[in-house]
């Protein structure tokens, strides 16, 4: 009962040399019970999505950054084995320190962040996935789109679908990383 089952209200004990179990009732704090229930719904690794940092800040780009982040979150939630956590916007300097904090405080395994640059004719989104366990960058991608003839919403959706497919599908970076770890274990 040190790990799994430590919050269970009943403990079953088998005395040495006997077959007769004993049942002990243990008082469980209601708050601990709620926290355990919420955490048990997370079926797989957790990924935190940090909205991209705007490199050439213009007031109108703020909406696009929020839109890209929300589209990515929406696309990742389609993969039911992932627990997706939304993180508020951070500055470029805060992003590096946030990875270790997210791992420590929320049990996040992967952190997705990046940058967004926009000119009058093009948009460039650079995304990177960090393994919070090792702090290693395990995937990066640069996505360029022409703004001429494209709706901002379509670009946001395309970026999100490309990112989600690259990192979360069956042959994506997250599954390959976790598979490599399983093969290393005896």
C-alpha atoms as a PDB file:
ATOM      1  CA  UNK A   1       0.000   0.000   0.000  1.00  0.00           C
ATOM      2  CA  UNK A   2       2.966   2.357  -0.391  1.00  0.00           C
ATOM      3  CA  UNK A   3       2.056   3.254  -3.973  1.00  0.00           C
ATOM      4  CA  UNK A   4      -0.917   1.713  -5.745  1.00  0.00           C
ATOM      5  CA  UNK A   5      -3.844   1.422  -3.343  1.00  0.00           C
ATOM      6  CA  UNK A   6      -2.487   3.718  -0.636  1.00  0.00           C
ATOM      7  CA  UNK A   7      -5.697   5.788  -0.792  1.00  0.00           C
ATOM      8  CA  UNK A   8      -8.052   2.787  -0.707  1.00  0.00           C
ATOM      9  CA  UNK A   9     -10.501   2.883   2.233  1.00  0.00           C
ATOM     10  CA  UNK A  10     -10.081  -0.852   2.979  1.00  0.00           C
ATOM     11  CA  UNK A  11      -6.807  -2.759   3.355  1.00  0.00           C
ATOM     12  CA  UNK A  12      -6.587  -6.527   3.056  1.00  0.00           C
ATOM     13  CA  UNK A  13      -3.901  -8.320   5.066  1.00  0.00           C
ATOM     14  CA  UNK A  14      -2.830 -11.972   5.022  1.00  0.00           C
ATOM     15  CA  UNK A  15      -1.053 -13.078   8.216  1.00  0.00           C
ATOM     16  CA  UNK A  16       2.135 -15.119   7.819  1.00  0.00           C
ATOM     17  CA  UNK A  17       1.431 -18.834   7.706  1.00  0.00           C
ATOM     18  CA  UNK A  18      -2.347 -18.353   7.397  1.00  0.00           C
ATOM     19  CA  UNK A  19      -4.999 -18.167   4.732  1.00  0.00           C
ATOM     20  CA  UNK A  20      -7.571 -16.102   6.637  1.00  0.00           C
ATOM     21  CA  UNK A  21      -7.537 -12.486   5.355  1.00  0.00           C
ATOM     22  CA  UNK A  22      -8.215  -9.549   7.664  1.00  0.00           C
ATOM     23  CA  UNK A  23      -9.904  -6.388   6.493  1.00  0.00           C
ATOM     24  CA  UNK A  24      -8.978  -3.011   7.994  1.00  0.00           C
ATOM     25  CA  UNK A  25     -10.923   0.186   7.379  1.00  0.00           C
ATOM     26  CA  UNK A  26      -8.709   3.257   6.834  1.00  0.00           C
ATOM     27  CA  UNK A  27      -9.976   6.851   6.912  1.00  0.00           C
ATOM     28  CA  UNK A  28      -9.271   8.530   3.579  1.00  0.00           C
ATOM     29  CA  UNK A  29      -9.263  12.297   3.219  1.00  0.00           C
ATOM     30  CA  UNK A  30     -12.032  13.313   0.778  1.00  0.00           C
ATOM     31  CA  UNK A  31      -9.657  15.682  -1.022  1.00  0.00           C
ATOM     32  CA  UNK A  32      -7.083  12.909  -1.547  1.00  0.00           C
ATOM     33  CA  UNK A  33      -9.839  10.647  -2.879  1.00  0.00           C
ATOM     34  CA  UNK A  34     -10.920  13.327  -5.411  1.00  0.00           C
ATOM     35  CA  UNK A  35      -7.343  13.956  -6.539  1.00  0.00           C
ATOM     36  CA  UNK A  36      -6.744  10.231  -7.024  1.00  0.00           C
ATOM     37  CA  UNK A  37      -9.946   9.858  -9.050  1.00  0.00           C
ATOM     38  CA  UNK A  38      -9.028  12.766 -11.317  1.00  0.00           C
ATOM     39  CA  UNK A  39      -5.484  11.508 -11.859  1.00  0.00           C
ATOM     40  CA  UNK A  40      -6.651   7.974 -12.595  1.00  0.00           C
ATOM     41  CA  UNK A  41      -8.602   9.235 -15.624  1.00  0.00           C
ATOM     42  CA  UNK A  42      -5.305  10.122 -17.315  1.00  0.00           C
ATOM     43  CA  UNK A  43      -4.723   6.990 -19.334  1.00  0.00           C
ATOM     44  CA  UNK A  44      -1.448   7.858 -20.969  1.00  0.00           C
ATOM     45  CA  UNK A  45       1.382  10.330 -21.049  1.00  0.00           C
ATOM     46  CA  UNK A  46       0.571  13.996 -20.458  1.00  0.00           C
ATOM     47  CA  UNK A  47       1.513  16.664 -22.990  1.00  0.00           C
ATOM     48  CA  UNK A  48       1.485  20.371 -22.187  1.00  0.00           C
ATOM     49  CA  UNK A  49       0.789  22.778 -25.041  1.00  0.00           C
ATOM     50  CA  UNK A  50       2.357  26.217 -24.685  1.00  0.00           C
ATOM     51  CA  UNK A  51       1.105  28.769 -27.259  1.00  0.00           C
ATOM     52  CA  UNK A  52       3.831  29.856 -29.698  1.00  0.00           C
ATOM     53  CA  UNK A  53       5.832  32.977 -28.870  1.00  0.00           C
ATOM     54  CA  UNK A  54       5.365  35.822 -31.360  1.00  0.00           C
ATOM     55  CA  UNK A  55       8.766  36.891 -32.671  1.00  0.00           C
ATOM     56  CA  UNK A  56       7.678  40.002 -34.546  1.00  0.00           C
ATOM     57  CA  UNK A  57       4.866  41.175 -32.288  1.00  0.00           C
ATOM     58  CA  UNK A  58       1.899  42.881 -33.874  1.00  0.00           C
ATOM     59  CA  UNK A  59      -1.426  43.255 -32.128  1.00  0.00           C
ATOM     60  CA  UNK A  60      -3.276  41.172 -34.735  1.00  0.00           C
ATOM     61  CA  UNK A  61      -0.871  38.226 -34.370  1.00  0.00           C
ATOM     62  CA  UNK A  62      -2.045  37.621 -30.798  1.00  0.00           C
ATOM     63  CA  UNK A  63      -5.278  36.079 -32.093  1.00  0.00           C
ATOM     64  CA  UNK A  64      -3.429  33.834 -34.511  1.00  0.00           C
ATOM     65  CA  UNK A  65      -1.161  32.474 -31.747  1.00  0.00           C
ATOM     66  CA  UNK A  66      -4.184  31.697 -29.576  1.00  0.00           C
ATOM     67  CA  UNK A  67      -5.913  30.121 -32.572  1.00  0.00           C
ATOM     68  CA  UNK A  68      -2.917  27.918 -33.423  1.00  0.00           C
ATOM     69  CA  UNK A  69      -2.630  26.737 -29.810  1.00  0.00           C
ATOM     70  CA  UNK A  70      -6.348  25.976 -29.534  1.00  0.00           C
ATOM     71  CA  UNK A  71      -6.344  24.077 -32.840  1.00  0.00           C
ATOM     72  CA  UNK A  72      -3.346  22.005 -31.694  1.00  0.00           C
ATOM     73  CA  UNK A  73      -5.063  21.225 -28.388  1.00  0.00           C
ATOM     74  CA  UNK A  74      -8.204  20.223 -30.244  1.00  0.00           C
ATOM     75  CA  UNK A  75      -6.259  17.990 -32.654  1.00  0.00           C
ATOM     76  CA  UNK A  76      -4.294  16.312 -29.834  1.00  0.00           C
ATOM     77  CA  UNK A  77      -7.400  15.517 -27.792  1.00  0.00           C
ATOM     78  CA  UNK A  78      -8.482  13.242 -30.643  1.00  0.00           C
ATOM     79  CA  UNK A  79      -5.724  10.894 -29.435  1.00  0.00           C
ATOM     80  CA  UNK A  80      -7.435   9.452 -26.366  1.00  0.00           C
ATOM     81  CA  UNK A  81      -4.256   7.949 -24.942  1.00  0.00           C
ATOM     82  CA  UNK A  82      -2.842  11.460 -24.386  1.00  0.00           C
ATOM     83  CA  UNK A  83      -3.704  13.772 -21.517  1.00  0.00           C
ATOM     84  CA  UNK A  84      -3.550  17.288 -22.987  1.00  0.00           C
ATOM     85  CA  UNK A  85      -2.840  20.221 -20.682  1.00  0.00           C
ATOM     86  CA  UNK A  86      -3.230  23.826 -21.772  1.00  0.00           C
ATOM     87  CA  UNK A  87      -0.582  26.243 -20.507  1.00  0.00           C
ATOM     88  CA  UNK A  88      -1.043  30.030 -20.584  1.00  0.00           C
ATOM     89  CA  UNK A  89       1.189  32.068 -22.872  1.00  0.00           C
ATOM     90  CA  UNK A  90       4.759  32.452 -21.679  1.00  0.00           C
ATOM     91  CA  UNK A  91       7.622  34.673 -22.744  1.00  0.00           C
ATOM     92  CA  UNK A  92      10.536  33.081 -24.583  1.00  0.00           C
ATOM     93  CA  UNK A  93      12.641  33.156 -21.384  1.00  0.00           C
ATOM     94  CA  UNK A  94       9.885  31.548 -19.291  1.00  0.00           C
ATOM     95  CA  UNK A  95       9.386  28.650 -21.724  1.00  0.00           C
ATOM     96  CA  UNK A  96      12.683  26.942 -20.854  1.00  0.00           C
ATOM     97  CA  UNK A  97      12.049  27.008 -17.098  1.00  0.00           C
ATOM     98  CA  UNK A  98       8.420  25.948 -17.531  1.00  0.00           C
ATOM     99  CA  UNK A  99       9.315  22.469 -18.825  1.00  0.00           C
ATOM    100  CA  UNK A 100      10.906  21.266 -15.584  1.00  0.00           C
ATOM    101  CA  UNK A 101       8.153  22.881 -13.513  1.00  0.00           C
ATOM    102  CA  UNK A 102       5.387  21.222 -15.565  1.00  0.00           C
ATOM    103  CA  UNK A 103       7.056  17.836 -15.104  1.00  0.00           C
ATOM    104  CA  UNK A 104       7.472  18.310 -11.362  1.00  0.00           C
ATOM    105  CA  UNK A 105       4.058  19.833 -10.564  1.00  0.00           C
ATOM    106  CA  UNK A 106       1.749  18.175 -13.101  1.00  0.00           C
ATOM    107  CA  UNK A 107       3.501  14.973 -14.140  1.00  0.00           C
ATOM    108  CA  UNK A 108       3.810  16.241 -17.713  1.00  0.00           C
ATOM    109  CA  UNK A 109       6.002  14.034 -19.885  1.00  0.00           C
ATOM    110  CA  UNK A 110       6.072  16.109 -23.095  1.00  0.00           C
ATOM    111  CA  UNK A 111       5.984  19.864 -23.691  1.00  0.00           C
ATOM    112  CA  UNK A 112       5.043  21.357 -27.056  1.00  0.00           C
ATOM    113  CA  UNK A 113       5.930  24.974 -27.785  1.00  0.00           C
ATOM    114  CA  UNK A 114       7.360  27.121 -30.507  1.00  0.00           C
ATOM    115  CA  UNK A 115       7.452  30.469 -32.271  1.00  0.00           C
ATOM    116  CA  UNK A 116       5.382  32.304 -34.854  1.00  0.00           C
ATOM    117  CA  UNK A 117       6.627  34.888 -37.350  1.00  0.00           C
ATOM    118  CA  UNK A 118       4.398  36.693 -39.769  1.00  0.00           C
ATOM    119  CA  UNK A 119       5.118  39.046 -42.642  1.00  0.00           C
ATOM    120  CA  UNK A 120       2.669  40.674 -44.989  1.00  0.00           C
ATOM    121  CA  UNK A 121       2.783  37.636 -47.314  1.00  0.00           C
ATOM    122  CA  UNK A 122       3.957  34.630 -45.273  1.00  0.00           C
ATOM    123  CA  UNK A 123       3.680  32.960 -41.918  1.00  0.00           C
ATOM    124  CA  UNK A 124       6.308  30.693 -40.379  1.00  0.00           C
ATOM    125  CA  UNK A 125       5.481  28.500 -37.377  1.00  0.00           C
ATOM    126  CA  UNK A 126       8.334  26.623 -35.722  1.00  0.00           C
ATOM    127  CA  UNK A 127       7.263  23.972 -33.224  1.00  0.00           C
ATOM    128  CA  UNK A 128       9.334  21.760 -30.961  1.00  0.00           C
ATOM    129  CA  UNK A 129       8.528  18.873 -28.668  1.00  0.00           C
ATOM    130  CA  UNK A 130      10.596  18.459 -25.520  1.00  0.00           C
ATOM    131  CA  UNK A 131      10.802  15.311 -23.426  1.00  0.00           C
ATOM    132  CA  UNK A 132      10.364  16.723 -19.920  1.00  0.00           C
ATOM    133  CA  UNK A 133      11.983  13.630 -18.392  1.00  0.00           C
ATOM    134  CA  UNK A 134      15.326  14.322 -20.074  1.00  0.00           C
ATOM    135  CA  UNK A 135      14.854  17.962 -21.192  1.00  0.00           C
ATOM    136  CA  UNK A 136      15.902  16.823 -24.683  1.00  0.00           C
ATOM    137  CA  UNK A 137      14.270  18.309 -27.770  1.00  0.00           C
ATOM    138  CA  UNK A 138      12.977  15.230 -29.586  1.00  0.00           C
ATOM    139  CA  UNK A 139      11.171  16.816 -32.547  1.00  0.00           C
ATOM    140  CA  UNK A 140      11.092  20.105 -34.429  1.00  0.00           C
ATOM    141  CA  UNK A 141       9.295  21.291 -37.520  1.00  0.00           C
ATOM    142  CA  UNK A 142       9.064  24.507 -39.497  1.00  0.00           C
ATOM    143  CA  UNK A 143       5.776  25.134 -41.258  1.00  0.00           C
ATOM    144  CA  UNK A 144       5.573  27.893 -43.876  1.00  0.00           C
ATOM    145  CA  UNK A 145       2.355  29.090 -45.428  1.00  0.00           C
ATOM    146  CA  UNK A 146       1.519  31.893 -47.852  1.00  0.00           C
ATOM    147  CA  UNK A 147      -1.081  34.283 -46.525  1.00  0.00           C
ATOM    148  CA  UNK A 148      -2.273  35.255 -50.004  1.00  0.00           C
ATOM    149  CA  UNK A 149      -5.500  33.433 -50.777  1.00  0.00           C
ATOM    150  CA  UNK A 150      -5.567  31.542 -47.481  1.00  0.00           C
ATOM    151  CA  UNK A 151      -7.900  32.166 -44.588  1.00  0.00           C
ATOM    152  CA  UNK A 152      -6.173  32.522 -41.222  1.00  0.00           C
ATOM    153  CA  UNK A 153      -8.463  29.811 -39.823  1.00  0.00           C
ATOM    154  CA  UNK A 154      -7.439  27.366 -42.555  1.00  0.00           C
ATOM    155  CA  UNK A 155      -3.747  27.988 -41.841  1.00  0.00           C
ATOM    156  CA  UNK A 156      -4.271  27.447 -38.097  1.00  0.00           C
ATOM    157  CA  UNK A 157      -6.064  24.150 -38.774  1.00  0.00           C
ATOM    158  CA  UNK A 158      -3.410  22.952 -41.260  1.00  0.00           C
ATOM    159  CA  UNK A 159      -0.604  23.698 -38.799  1.00  0.00           C
ATOM    160  CA  UNK A 160      -2.444  21.896 -35.999  1.00  0.00           C
ATOM    161  CA  UNK A 161      -3.180  18.805 -38.089  1.00  0.00           C
ATOM    162  CA  UNK A 162       0.427  18.577 -39.295  1.00  0.00           C
ATOM    163  CA  UNK A 163       1.820  18.940 -35.768  1.00  0.00           C
ATOM    164  CA  UNK A 164      -0.644  16.484 -34.195  1.00  0.00           C
ATOM    165  CA  UNK A 165      -0.009  13.855 -36.858  1.00  0.00           C
ATOM    166  CA  UNK A 166       3.773  14.163 -36.538  1.00  0.00           C
ATOM    167  CA  UNK A 167       3.858  13.804 -32.774  1.00  0.00           C
ATOM    168  CA  UNK A 168       0.787  11.830 -31.693  1.00  0.00           C
ATOM    169  CA  UNK A 169      -0.341   9.346 -34.325  1.00  0.00           C
ATOM    170  CA  UNK A 170       0.580   5.652 -34.214  1.00  0.00           C
ATOM    171  CA  UNK A 171       3.990   6.268 -35.802  1.00  0.00           C
ATOM    172  CA  UNK A 172       4.498   9.698 -34.248  1.00  0.00           C
ATOM    173  CA  UNK A 173       7.368  10.920 -32.118  1.00  0.00           C
ATOM    174  CA  UNK A 174       5.647  10.268 -28.775  1.00  0.00           C
ATOM    175  CA  UNK A 175       4.851   6.634 -29.564  1.00  0.00           C
ATOM    176  CA  UNK A 176       8.341   6.016 -30.969  1.00  0.00           C
ATOM    177  CA  UNK A 177       9.923   7.530 -27.841  1.00  0.00           C
ATOM    178  CA  UNK A 178       7.795   5.452 -25.473  1.00  0.00           C
ATOM    179  CA  UNK A 179       8.349   2.288 -27.546  1.00  0.00           C
ATOM    180  CA  UNK A 180      12.131   2.741 -27.395  1.00  0.00           C
ATOM    181  CA  UNK A 181      11.897   3.012 -23.585  1.00  0.00           C
ATOM    182  CA  UNK A 182       9.855  -0.186 -23.319  1.00  0.00           C
ATOM    183  CA  UNK A 183      12.389  -2.088 -25.431  1.00  0.00           C
ATOM    184  CA  UNK A 184      15.231  -0.928 -23.148  1.00  0.00           C
ATOM    185  CA  UNK A 185      13.513  -2.366 -20.064  1.00  0.00           C
ATOM    186  CA  UNK A 186      13.989  -6.015 -19.209  1.00  0.00           C
END
